[in-house]
Amino acid sequence: MLFNDVTAAASAVRPVVYTCIAMLAFAGNSIICRLALRDGAIDPATFTTIRLLAGAIALLLIFSVARRNTSFRSHGSWLSALVLFLYAVAFSFAYISLSAGTGALILFAFVQATMIVMSLWSGDRPSAPEWLGWTLAFAGVVWLVLPGVEAPPPGGALLMALSGIAWGIYSIRGRKESDALGSTTTNFLLSVVFVIALAAVTFANADISMRGVLLAVLSGALTSGVGYVVWYAALEYLSAMQAAMVQLSVPAIAAAGGVALLAEPVSMRLLVSSALVLGGISIAVTQKSKKISNS
């Protein structure tokens, strides 16, 4: 009886643990990238190259252990690999000038915006509360990037928006895959082709230190490769709406990490924008969840 109770308790806690680890990994990507690029420990192109290579190797090892005698070649695609590469390279170049919290907020706002547009394109029609939520979120992003003393650099903000759009497209394409681990492993491996091209073009201007390389490997192998695997494990226990809701914690975690580990300031503009974006998305996602449960 005691053994059964312990097993049941462990099963109940497992999705919470998986989800928390995944959110920390997502926020960790922002913090590690900013940490590596802020002080010039590595250039953004080389960081991207090493990150994706390390992620591909880590995922290949994980797949080999978890799926012995199983092929992953039937999963993933060149288009998804290209979108993954665009996300990663824009992400790195954006963090030359953005703080960890600001970058994460812009990233996830545009991830959500991309998924909304694709949902509308497919025929979904939001309710009035959903429109209100998305409008508040959009207003928060606009407020964040409006010109002013506290506004983030426009170039960095634009690059992070592009990164968010790419990640949103990658996420939407991933929904069609029946094997998340297999497709992610394949996409990372295929992205190596684009990484090699990037390295060839930027090799002459590469700026590498041991610290920068270690941070890039940490980002690729741990917070990207292992983080994505843990996230897919968590998704087995979460509804689509729950998955969207928990990701709202990432900008807050990244901002807190930026303050604690990087001594980055938190401006009033960032706080107001965060409240609008996260609050608006929460309203929209919650309303969507109610609509689904009532249908």
C-alpha atoms as a PDB file:
ATOM      1  CA  MET A   1       0.000   0.000   0.000  1.00  0.00           C
ATOM      2  CA  LEU A   2       2.771   2.414   0.955  1.00  0.00           C
ATOM      3  CA  PHE A   3       4.611   1.636  -2.264  1.00  0.00           C
ATOM      4  CA  ASN A   4       1.462   2.350  -4.299  1.00  0.00           C
ATOM      5  CA  ASP A   5       0.953   5.657  -2.489  1.00  0.00           C
ATOM      6  CA  VAL A   6       4.536   6.711  -3.151  1.00  0.00           C
ATOM      7  CA  THR A   7       4.221   5.732  -6.815  1.00  0.00           C
ATOM      8  CA  ALA A   8       0.982   7.704  -7.180  1.00  0.00           C
ATOM      9  CA  ALA A   9       2.534  10.745  -5.505  1.00  0.00           C
ATOM     10  CA  ALA A  10       5.566  10.550  -7.786  1.00  0.00           C
ATOM     11  CA  SER A  11       3.312  10.351 -10.849  1.00  0.00           C
ATOM     12  CA  ALA A  12       1.396  13.428  -9.708  1.00  0.00           C
ATOM     13  CA  VAL A  13       4.559  15.434  -9.095  1.00  0.00           C
ATOM     14  CA  ARG A  14       6.295  14.399 -12.329  1.00  0.00           C
ATOM     15  CA  PRO A  15       4.485  16.832 -14.701  1.00  0.00           C
ATOM     16  CA  VAL A  16       5.112  19.730 -12.304  1.00  0.00           C
ATOM     17  CA  VAL A  17       8.816  18.895 -12.110  1.00  0.00           C
ATOM     18  CA  TYR A  18       9.100  18.501 -15.883  1.00  0.00           C
ATOM     19  CA  THR A  19       7.316  21.799 -16.494  1.00  0.00           C
ATOM     20  CA  CYS A  20       9.418  23.737 -13.982  1.00  0.00           C
ATOM     21  CA  ILE A  21      12.661  22.369 -15.428  1.00  0.00           C
ATOM     22  CA  ALA A  22      11.558  23.248 -18.970  1.00  0.00           C
ATOM     23  CA  MET A  23      10.613  26.826 -18.059  1.00  0.00           C
ATOM     24  CA  LEU A  24      13.940  27.291 -16.273  1.00  0.00           C
ATOM     25  CA  ALA A  25      15.691  25.954 -19.381  1.00  0.00           C
ATOM     26  CA  PHE A  26      13.829  28.359 -21.690  1.00  0.00           C
ATOM     27  CA  ALA A  27      14.658  31.318 -19.442  1.00  0.00           C
ATOM     28  CA  GLY A  28      18.201  29.988 -19.090  1.00  0.00           C
ATOM     29  CA  ASN A  29      18.714  30.297 -22.841  1.00  0.00           C
ATOM     30  CA  SER A  30      18.100  34.035 -22.596  1.00  0.00           C
ATOM     31  CA  ILE A  31      20.317  34.472 -19.544  1.00  0.00           C
ATOM     32  CA  ILE A  32      23.194  32.360 -20.886  1.00  0.00           C
ATOM     33  CA  CYS A  33      23.119  34.001 -24.311  1.00  0.00           C
ATOM     34  CA  ARG A  34      23.110  37.471 -22.783  1.00  0.00           C
ATOM     35  CA  LEU A  35      25.896  36.470 -20.373  1.00  0.00           C
ATOM     36  CA  ALA A  36      28.058  35.216 -23.248  1.00  0.00           C
ATOM     37  CA  LEU A  37      27.485  38.156 -25.586  1.00  0.00           C
ATOM     38  CA  ARG A  38      27.295  41.093 -23.196  1.00  0.00           C
ATOM     39  CA  ASP A  39      30.994  41.099 -22.346  1.00  0.00           C
ATOM     40  CA  GLY A  40      32.217  39.890 -25.738  1.00  0.00           C
ATOM     41  CA  ALA A  41      33.166  36.382 -24.581  1.00  0.00           C
ATOM     42  CA  ILE A  42      32.053  35.131 -27.989  1.00  0.00           C
ATOM     43  CA  ASP A  43      30.536  36.605 -31.146  1.00  0.00           C
ATOM     44  CA  PRO A  44      26.861  35.865 -31.928  1.00  0.00           C
ATOM     45  CA  ALA A  45      27.540  33.837 -35.087  1.00  0.00           C
ATOM     46  CA  THR A  46      29.983  31.516 -33.323  1.00  0.00           C
ATOM     47  CA  PHE A  47      27.649  31.249 -30.326  1.00  0.00           C
ATOM     48  CA  THR A  48      24.841  30.145 -32.659  1.00  0.00           C
ATOM     49  CA  THR A  49      27.126  27.680 -34.438  1.00  0.00           C
ATOM     50  CA  ILE A  50      28.315  26.004 -31.244  1.00  0.00           C
ATOM     51  CA  ARG A  51      24.845  26.115 -29.666  1.00  0.00           C
ATOM     52  CA  LEU A  52      23.167  24.236 -32.503  1.00  0.00           C
ATOM     53  CA  LEU A  53      26.052  21.790 -32.890  1.00  0.00           C
ATOM     54  CA  ALA A  54      26.008  21.015 -29.159  1.00  0.00           C
ATOM     55  CA  GLY A  55      22.227  20.677 -29.238  1.00  0.00           C
ATOM     56  CA  ALA A  56      22.392  18.278 -32.183  1.00  0.00           C
ATOM     57  CA  ILE A  57      25.003  16.099 -30.460  1.00  0.00           C
ATOM     58  CA  ALA A  58      23.093  16.067 -27.154  1.00  0.00           C
ATOM     59  CA  LEU A  59      19.814  15.154 -28.846  1.00  0.00           C
ATOM     60  CA  LEU A  60      21.472  12.462 -30.937  1.00  0.00           C
ATOM     61  CA  LEU A  61      22.902  10.890 -27.779  1.00  0.00           C
ATOM     62  CA  ILE A  62      19.546  11.122 -25.991  1.00  0.00           C
ATOM     63  CA  PHE A  63      17.751   9.589 -28.954  1.00  0.00           C
ATOM     64  CA  SER A  64      20.305   6.790 -29.229  1.00  0.00           C
ATOM     65  CA  VAL A  65      19.768   5.848 -25.576  1.00  0.00           C
ATOM     66  CA  ALA A  66      15.991   6.305 -25.487  1.00  0.00           C
ATOM     67  CA  ARG A  67      15.164   4.827 -28.892  1.00  0.00           C
ATOM     68  CA  ARG A  68      17.620   2.038 -29.567  1.00  0.00           C
ATOM     69  CA  ASN A  69      17.206   0.355 -32.946  1.00  0.00           C
ATOM     70  CA  THR A  70      14.821   3.142 -34.003  1.00  0.00           C
ATOM     71  CA  SER A  71      15.400   5.520 -36.902  1.00  0.00           C
ATOM     72  CA  PHE A  72      14.568   9.220 -36.668  1.00  0.00           C
ATOM     73  CA  ARG A  73      15.123   9.918 -40.368  1.00  0.00           C
ATOM     74  CA  SER A  74      11.411   9.790 -41.215  1.00  0.00           C
ATOM     75  CA  HIS A  75      10.760  12.773 -38.937  1.00  0.00           C
ATOM     76  CA  GLY A  76      11.580  16.454 -39.179  1.00  0.00           C
ATOM     77  CA  SER A  77      12.184  18.447 -42.372  1.00  0.00           C
ATOM     78  CA  TRP A  78      14.573  20.835 -44.056  1.00  0.00           C
ATOM     79  CA  LEU A  79      12.069  23.691 -43.713  1.00  0.00           C
ATOM     80  CA  SER A  80      11.744  23.169 -39.959  1.00  0.00           C
ATOM     81  CA  ALA A  81      15.533  23.004 -39.679  1.00  0.00           C
ATOM     82  CA  LEU A  82      15.847  26.303 -41.564  1.00  0.00           C
ATOM     83  CA  VAL A  83      13.278  27.982 -39.313  1.00  0.00           C
ATOM     84  CA  LEU A  84      15.085  26.618 -36.242  1.00  0.00           C
ATOM     85  CA  PHE A  85      18.344  28.074 -37.544  1.00  0.00           C
ATOM     86  CA  LEU A  86      16.734  31.477 -38.227  1.00  0.00           C
ATOM     87  CA  TYR A  87      15.316  31.518 -34.689  1.00  0.00           C
ATOM     88  CA  ALA A  88      18.705  30.735 -33.165  1.00  0.00           C
ATOM     89  CA  VAL A  89      20.794  33.167 -35.214  1.00  0.00           C
ATOM     90  CA  ALA A  90      18.372  36.093 -34.794  1.00  0.00           C
ATOM     91  CA  PHE A  91      18.142  35.271 -31.074  1.00  0.00           C
ATOM     92  CA  SER A  92      21.921  35.518 -30.671  1.00  0.00           C
ATOM     93  CA  PHE A  93      22.382  38.752 -32.608  1.00  0.00           C
ATOM     94  CA  ALA A  94      19.449  40.346 -30.759  1.00  0.00           C
ATOM     95  CA  TYR A  95      21.030  39.686 -27.364  1.00  0.00           C
ATOM     96  CA  ILE A  96      24.025  41.833 -28.180  1.00  0.00           C
ATOM     97  CA  SER A  97      21.917  44.824 -27.192  1.00  0.00           C
ATOM     98  CA  LEU A  98      18.858  43.521 -25.280  1.00  0.00           C
ATOM     99  CA  SER A  99      18.590  42.659 -21.603  1.00  0.00           C
ATOM    100  CA  ALA A 100      17.564  39.100 -20.707  1.00  0.00           C
ATOM    101  CA  GLY A 101      14.059  40.078 -19.566  1.00  0.00           C
ATOM    102  CA  THR A 102      13.332  42.447 -22.453  1.00  0.00           C
ATOM    103  CA  GLY A 103      14.517  39.905 -25.014  1.00  0.00           C
ATOM    104  CA  ALA A 104      12.415  37.107 -23.524  1.00  0.00           C
ATOM    105  CA  LEU A 105       9.331  39.335 -23.410  1.00  0.00           C
ATOM    106  CA  ILE A 106       9.640  40.332 -27.085  1.00  0.00           C
ATOM    107  CA  LEU A 107      10.450  36.747 -28.077  1.00  0.00           C
ATOM    108  CA  PHE A 108       7.424  35.128 -26.455  1.00  0.00           C
ATOM    109  CA  ALA A 109       5.091  37.962 -27.442  1.00  0.00           C
ATOM    110  CA  PHE A 110       5.912  37.367 -31.103  1.00  0.00           C
ATOM    111  CA  VAL A 111       5.749  33.593 -30.679  1.00  0.00           C
ATOM    112  CA  GLN A 112       2.167  34.034 -29.494  1.00  0.00           C
ATOM    113  CA  ALA A 113       1.412  36.622 -32.198  1.00  0.00           C
ATOM    114  CA  THR A 114       2.633  34.267 -34.918  1.00  0.00           C
ATOM    115  CA  MET A 115       0.487  31.437 -33.618  1.00  0.00           C
ATOM    116  CA  ILE A 116      -2.536  33.759 -33.484  1.00  0.00           C
ATOM    117  CA  VAL A 117      -2.067  34.824 -37.098  1.00  0.00           C
ATOM    118  CA  MET A 118      -1.715  31.218 -38.209  1.00  0.00           C
ATOM    119  CA  SER A 119      -4.829  30.319 -36.222  1.00  0.00           C
ATOM    120  CA  LEU A 120      -6.797  33.118 -37.907  1.00  0.00           C
ATOM    121  CA  TRP A 121      -5.482  32.014 -41.286  1.00  0.00           C
ATOM    122  CA  SER A 122      -6.807  28.505 -40.630  1.00  0.00           C
ATOM    123  CA  GLY A 123     -10.302  29.859 -39.936  1.00  0.00           C
ATOM    124  CA  ASP A 124     -10.377  30.284 -36.153  1.00  0.00           C
ATOM    125  CA  ARG A 125     -12.440  33.275 -35.002  1.00  0.00           C
ATOM    126  CA  PRO A 126     -11.553  34.708 -31.570  1.00  0.00           C
ATOM    127  CA  SER A 127     -14.245  35.906 -29.180  1.00  0.00           C
ATOM    128  CA  ALA A 128     -14.424  39.499 -27.886  1.00  0.00           C
ATOM    129  CA  PRO A 129     -12.487  38.689 -24.666  1.00  0.00           C
ATOM    130  CA  GLU A 130      -9.805  36.957 -26.722  1.00  0.00           C
ATOM    131  CA  TRP A 131      -9.479  40.027 -28.963  1.00  0.00           C
ATOM    132  CA  LEU A 132      -9.230  42.184 -25.821  1.00  0.00           C
ATOM    133  CA  GLY A 133      -6.448  40.009 -24.455  1.00  0.00           C
ATOM    134  CA  TRP A 134      -4.432  40.012 -27.660  1.00  0.00           C
ATOM    135  CA  THR A 135      -4.949  43.798 -28.034  1.00  0.00           C
ATOM    136  CA  LEU A 136      -3.580  44.382 -24.522  1.00  0.00           C
ATOM    137  CA  ALA A 137      -0.598  42.151 -25.299  1.00  0.00           C
ATOM    138  CA  PHE A 138       0.072  43.990 -28.560  1.00  0.00           C
ATOM    139  CA  ALA A 139      -0.192  47.330 -26.758  1.00  0.00           C
ATOM    140  CA  GLY A 140       2.385  46.102 -24.248  1.00  0.00           C
ATOM    141  CA  VAL A 141       4.873  45.290 -26.998  1.00  0.00           C
ATOM    142  CA  VAL A 142       4.241  48.625 -28.719  1.00  0.00           C
ATOM    143  CA  TRP A 143       4.767  50.448 -25.410  1.00  0.00           C
ATOM    144  CA  LEU A 144       8.019  48.579 -24.837  1.00  0.00           C
ATOM    145  CA  VAL A 145       9.549  49.456 -28.213  1.00  0.00           C
ATOM    146  CA  LEU A 146       8.274  53.044 -28.536  1.00  0.00           C
ATOM    147  CA  PRO A 147      11.171  55.499 -28.859  1.00  0.00           C
ATOM    148  CA  GLY A 148      12.366  56.879 -25.550  1.00  0.00           C
ATOM    149  CA  VAL A 149      15.129  56.724 -22.978  1.00  0.00           C
ATOM    150  CA  GLU A 150      14.072  53.273 -21.727  1.00  0.00           C
ATOM    151  CA  ALA A 151      13.202  51.775 -25.116  1.00  0.00           C
ATOM    152  CA  PRO A 152      15.312  48.803 -26.261  1.00  0.00           C
ATOM    153  CA  PRO A 153      17.526  49.345 -29.324  1.00  0.00           C
ATOM    154  CA  PRO A 154      15.293  49.020 -32.417  1.00  0.00           C
ATOM    155  CA  GLY A 155      17.717  46.697 -34.199  1.00  0.00           C
ATOM    156  CA  GLY A 156      17.823  44.257 -31.304  1.00  0.00           C
ATOM    157  CA  ALA A 157      14.050  44.399 -30.853  1.00  0.00           C
ATOM    158  CA  LEU A 158      13.494  43.723 -34.565  1.00  0.00           C
ATOM    159  CA  LEU A 159      15.859  40.753 -34.538  1.00  0.00           C
ATOM    160  CA  MET A 160      14.168  39.282 -31.452  1.00  0.00           C
ATOM    161  CA  ALA A 161      10.773  39.752 -33.100  1.00  0.00           C
ATOM    162  CA  LEU A 162      12.085  37.820 -36.109  1.00  0.00           C
ATOM    163  CA  SER A 163      13.357  35.129 -33.743  1.00  0.00           C
ATOM    164  CA  GLY A 164       9.918  34.908 -32.105  1.00  0.00           C
ATOM    165  CA  ILE A 165       8.184  34.600 -35.472  1.00  0.00           C
ATOM    166  CA  ALA A 166      10.577  31.822 -36.492  1.00  0.00           C
ATOM    167  CA  TRP A 167      10.049  29.947 -33.211  1.00  0.00           C
ATOM    168  CA  GLY A 168       6.285  30.333 -33.576  1.00  0.00           C
ATOM    169  CA  ILE A 169       6.400  28.805 -37.060  1.00  0.00           C
ATOM    170  CA  TYR A 170       8.668  26.031 -35.791  1.00  0.00           C
ATOM    171  CA  SER A 171       6.229  25.299 -32.950  1.00  0.00           C
ATOM    172  CA  ILE A 172       3.249  25.189 -35.306  1.00  0.00           C
ATOM    173  CA  ARG A 173       5.062  22.822 -37.637  1.00  0.00           C
ATOM    174  CA  GLY A 174       6.029  20.672 -34.670  1.00  0.00           C
ATOM    175  CA  ARG A 175       2.374  20.062 -33.820  1.00  0.00           C
ATOM    176  CA  LYS A 176       2.081  17.960 -36.969  1.00  0.00           C
ATOM    177  CA  GLU A 177       4.893  15.633 -35.917  1.00  0.00           C
ATOM    178  CA  SER A 178       3.959  12.330 -34.277  1.00  0.00           C
ATOM    179  CA  ASP A 179       7.400  11.894 -32.700  1.00  0.00           C
ATOM    180  CA  ALA A 180       8.583  15.049 -30.974  1.00  0.00           C
ATOM    181  CA  LEU A 181      11.985  13.693 -29.925  1.00  0.00           C
ATOM    182  CA  GLY A 182      12.687  12.188 -33.348  1.00  0.00           C
ATOM    183  CA  SER A 183      11.667  15.307 -35.253  1.00  0.00           C
ATOM    184  CA  THR A 184      13.590  17.642 -32.949  1.00  0.00           C
ATOM    185  CA  THR A 185      16.720  15.497 -33.251  1.00  0.00           C
ATOM    186  CA  THR A 186      16.427  15.458 -37.039  1.00  0.00           C
ATOM    187  CA  ASN A 187      15.793  19.202 -37.257  1.00  0.00           C
ATOM    188  CA  PHE A 188      18.837  19.978 -35.107  1.00  0.00           C
ATOM    189  CA  LEU A 189      21.001  17.658 -37.191  1.00  0.00           C
ATOM    190  CA  LEU A 190      19.766  19.183 -40.462  1.00  0.00           C
ATOM    191  CA  SER A 191      20.359  22.695 -39.088  1.00  0.00           C
ATOM    192  CA  VAL A 192      24.072  21.836 -38.949  1.00  0.00           C
ATOM    193  CA  VAL A 193      24.191  22.390 -42.727  1.00  0.00           C
ATOM    194  CA  PHE A 194      23.076  26.013 -42.260  1.00  0.00           C
ATOM    195  CA  VAL A 195      25.420  26.360 -39.289  1.00  0.00           C
ATOM    196  CA  ILE A 196      28.388  25.298 -41.419  1.00  0.00           C
ATOM    197  CA  ALA A 197      27.440  27.918 -44.002  1.00  0.00           C
ATOM    198  CA  LEU A 198      27.196  30.577 -41.271  1.00  0.00           C
ATOM    199  CA  ALA A 199      30.578  29.575 -39.841  1.00  0.00           C
ATOM    200  CA  ALA A 200      32.185  29.722 -43.280  1.00  0.00           C
ATOM    201  CA  VAL A 201      30.914  33.263 -43.875  1.00  0.00           C
ATOM    202  CA  THR A 202      31.767  34.618 -40.411  1.00  0.00           C
ATOM    203  CA  PHE A 203      34.946  32.659 -39.616  1.00  0.00           C
ATOM    204  CA  ALA A 204      37.281  35.566 -40.379  1.00  0.00           C
ATOM    205  CA  ASN A 205      35.547  37.764 -37.793  1.00  0.00           C
ATOM    206  CA  ALA A 206      35.085  35.066 -35.142  1.00  0.00           C
ATOM    207  CA  ASP A 207      35.788  36.126 -31.561  1.00  0.00           C
ATOM    208  CA  ILE A 208      36.143  33.082 -29.319  1.00  0.00           C
ATOM    209  CA  SER A 209      37.133  32.529 -25.706  1.00  0.00           C
ATOM    210  CA  MET A 210      36.950  29.372 -23.606  1.00  0.00           C
ATOM    211  CA  ARG A 211      34.274  30.969 -21.441  1.00  0.00           C
ATOM    212  CA  GLY A 212      32.181  31.830 -24.481  1.00  0.00           C
ATOM    213  CA  VAL A 213      32.501  28.314 -25.908  1.00  0.00           C
ATOM    214  CA  LEU A 214      31.472  26.729 -22.604  1.00  0.00           C
ATOM    215  CA  LEU A 215      28.421  28.980 -22.350  1.00  0.00           C
ATOM    216  CA  ALA A 216      27.423  28.149 -25.936  1.00  0.00           C
ATOM    217  CA  VAL A 217      27.776  24.412 -25.261  1.00  0.00           C
ATOM    218  CA  LEU A 218      25.750  24.800 -22.066  1.00  0.00           C
ATOM    219  CA  SER A 219      23.016  26.615 -23.977  1.00  0.00           C
ATOM    220  CA  GLY A 220      22.963  24.091 -26.806  1.00  0.00           C
ATOM    221  CA  ALA A 221      23.311  20.812 -24.936  1.00  0.00           C
ATOM    222  CA  LEU A 222      21.479  21.593 -21.689  1.00  0.00           C
ATOM    223  CA  THR A 223      18.994  24.451 -21.921  1.00  0.00           C
ATOM    224  CA  SER A 224      18.189  23.778 -25.598  1.00  0.00           C
ATOM    225  CA  GLY A 225      18.707  20.062 -26.273  1.00  0.00           C
ATOM    226  CA  VAL A 226      17.801  18.556 -22.895  1.00  0.00           C
ATOM    227  CA  GLY A 227      15.384  21.410 -22.165  1.00  0.00           C
ATOM    228  CA  TYR A 228      13.329  20.693 -25.273  1.00  0.00           C
ATOM    229  CA  VAL A 229      13.224  16.964 -24.456  1.00  0.00           C
ATOM    230  CA  VAL A 230      11.972  17.682 -20.931  1.00  0.00           C
ATOM    231  CA  TRP A 231       9.397  20.101 -22.347  1.00  0.00           C
ATOM    232  CA  TYR A 232       8.060  17.469 -24.710  1.00  0.00           C
ATOM    233  CA  ALA A 233       7.827  15.084 -21.748  1.00  0.00           C
ATOM    234  CA  ALA A 234       5.827  17.720 -19.861  1.00  0.00           C
ATOM    235  CA  LEU A 235       3.499  18.220 -22.832  1.00  0.00           C
ATOM    236  CA  GLU A 236       2.238  14.658 -22.395  1.00  0.00           C
ATOM    237  CA  TYR A 237       0.528  15.852 -19.202  1.00  0.00           C
ATOM    238  CA  LEU A 238      -0.530  19.372 -20.281  1.00  0.00           C
ATOM    239  CA  SER A 239      -3.354  20.590 -22.458  1.00  0.00           C
ATOM    240  CA  ALA A 240      -2.522  23.067 -25.220  1.00  0.00           C
ATOM    241  CA  MET A 241      -3.939  25.905 -23.110  1.00  0.00           C
ATOM    242  CA  GLN A 242      -1.977  24.877 -20.017  1.00  0.00           C
ATOM    243  CA  ALA A 243       1.174  24.709 -22.129  1.00  0.00           C
ATOM    244  CA  ALA A 244       0.563  28.240 -23.396  1.00  0.00           C
ATOM    245  CA  MET A 245      -0.123  29.538 -19.894  1.00  0.00           C
ATOM    246  CA  VAL A 246       2.989  28.131 -18.219  1.00  0.00           C
ATOM    247  CA  GLN A 247       5.224  29.653 -20.896  1.00  0.00           C
ATOM    248  CA  LEU A 248       4.095  33.074 -19.712  1.00  0.00           C
ATOM    249  CA  SER A 249       6.420  32.560 -16.746  1.00  0.00           C
ATOM    250  CA  VAL A 250       9.543  32.579 -18.941  1.00  0.00           C
ATOM    251  CA  PRO A 251       9.948  36.375 -19.392  1.00  0.00           C
ATOM    252  CA  ALA A 252       9.501  36.880 -15.638  1.00  0.00           C
ATOM    253  CA  ILE A 253      12.081  34.190 -14.824  1.00  0.00           C
ATOM    254  CA  ALA A 254      14.495  35.614 -17.406  1.00  0.00           C
ATOM    255  CA  ALA A 255      14.075  39.137 -16.027  1.00  0.00           C
ATOM    256  CA  ALA A 256      14.659  37.922 -12.468  1.00  0.00           C
ATOM    257  CA  GLY A 257      17.718  35.979 -13.603  1.00  0.00           C
ATOM    258  CA  GLY A 258      19.016  39.017 -15.446  1.00  0.00           C
ATOM    259  CA  VAL A 259      18.747  41.106 -12.285  1.00  0.00           C
ATOM    260  CA  ALA A 260      20.272  38.462 -10.000  1.00  0.00           C
ATOM    261  CA  LEU A 261      23.030  37.126 -12.251  1.00  0.00           C
ATOM    262  CA  LEU A 262      23.749  39.965 -14.666  1.00  0.00           C
ATOM    263  CA  ALA A 263      22.917  42.995 -12.500  1.00  0.00           C
ATOM    264  CA  GLU A 264      20.538  44.254 -15.199  1.00  0.00           C
ATOM    265  CA  PRO A 265      18.154  47.054 -14.204  1.00  0.00           C
ATOM    266  CA  VAL A 266      14.386  46.612 -14.354  1.00  0.00           C
ATOM    267  CA  SER A 267      12.767  49.717 -15.817  1.00  0.00           C
ATOM    268  CA  MET A 268       9.211  50.889 -15.221  1.00  0.00           C
ATOM    269  CA  ARG A 269       8.605  50.557 -18.951  1.00  0.00           C
ATOM    270  CA  LEU A 270       9.562  46.863 -18.819  1.00  0.00           C
ATOM    271  CA  LEU A 271       7.315  46.263 -15.812  1.00  0.00           C
ATOM    272  CA  VAL A 272       4.300  47.951 -17.444  1.00  0.00           C
ATOM    273  CA  SER A 273       4.908  46.208 -20.750  1.00  0.00           C
ATOM    274  CA  SER A 274       5.279  42.849 -19.010  1.00  0.00           C
ATOM    275  CA  ALA A 275       2.005  43.356 -17.155  1.00  0.00           C
ATOM    276  CA  LEU A 276       0.178  44.222 -20.392  1.00  0.00           C
ATOM    277  CA  VAL A 277       1.705  41.420 -22.471  1.00  0.00           C
ATOM    278  CA  LEU A 278       1.450  38.636 -19.899  1.00  0.00           C
ATOM    279  CA  GLY A 279      -1.928  39.809 -18.620  1.00  0.00           C
ATOM    280  CA  GLY A 280      -3.346  40.120 -22.124  1.00  0.00           C
ATOM    281  CA  ILE A 281      -2.121  36.708 -23.215  1.00  0.00           C
ATOM    282  CA  SER A 282      -3.476  35.209 -19.996  1.00  0.00           C
ATOM    283  CA  ILE A 283      -6.933  36.637 -20.694  1.00  0.00           C
ATOM    284  CA  ALA A 284      -6.911  35.363 -24.265  1.00  0.00           C
ATOM    285  CA  VAL A 285      -5.599  31.890 -23.434  1.00  0.00           C
ATOM    286  CA  THR A 286      -7.989  31.466 -20.489  1.00  0.00           C
ATOM    287  CA  GLN A 287     -10.941  32.487 -22.641  1.00  0.00           C
ATOM    288  CA  LYS A 288      -9.823  30.078 -25.351  1.00  0.00           C
ATOM    289  CA  SER A 289      -9.645  27.294 -22.795  1.00  0.00           C
ATOM    290  CA  LYS A 290     -13.205  28.029 -21.608  1.00  0.00           C
ATOM    291  CA  LYS A 291     -14.446  28.023 -25.197  1.00  0.00           C
ATOM    292  CA  ILE A 292     -12.905  24.621 -25.819  1.00  0.00           C
ATOM    293  CA  SER A 293     -14.229  23.117 -22.570  1.00  0.00           C
ATOM    294  CA  ASN A 294     -17.761  24.365 -23.331  1.00  0.00           C
ATOM    295  CA  SER A 295     -17.797  23.085 -26.916  1.00  0.00           C
END
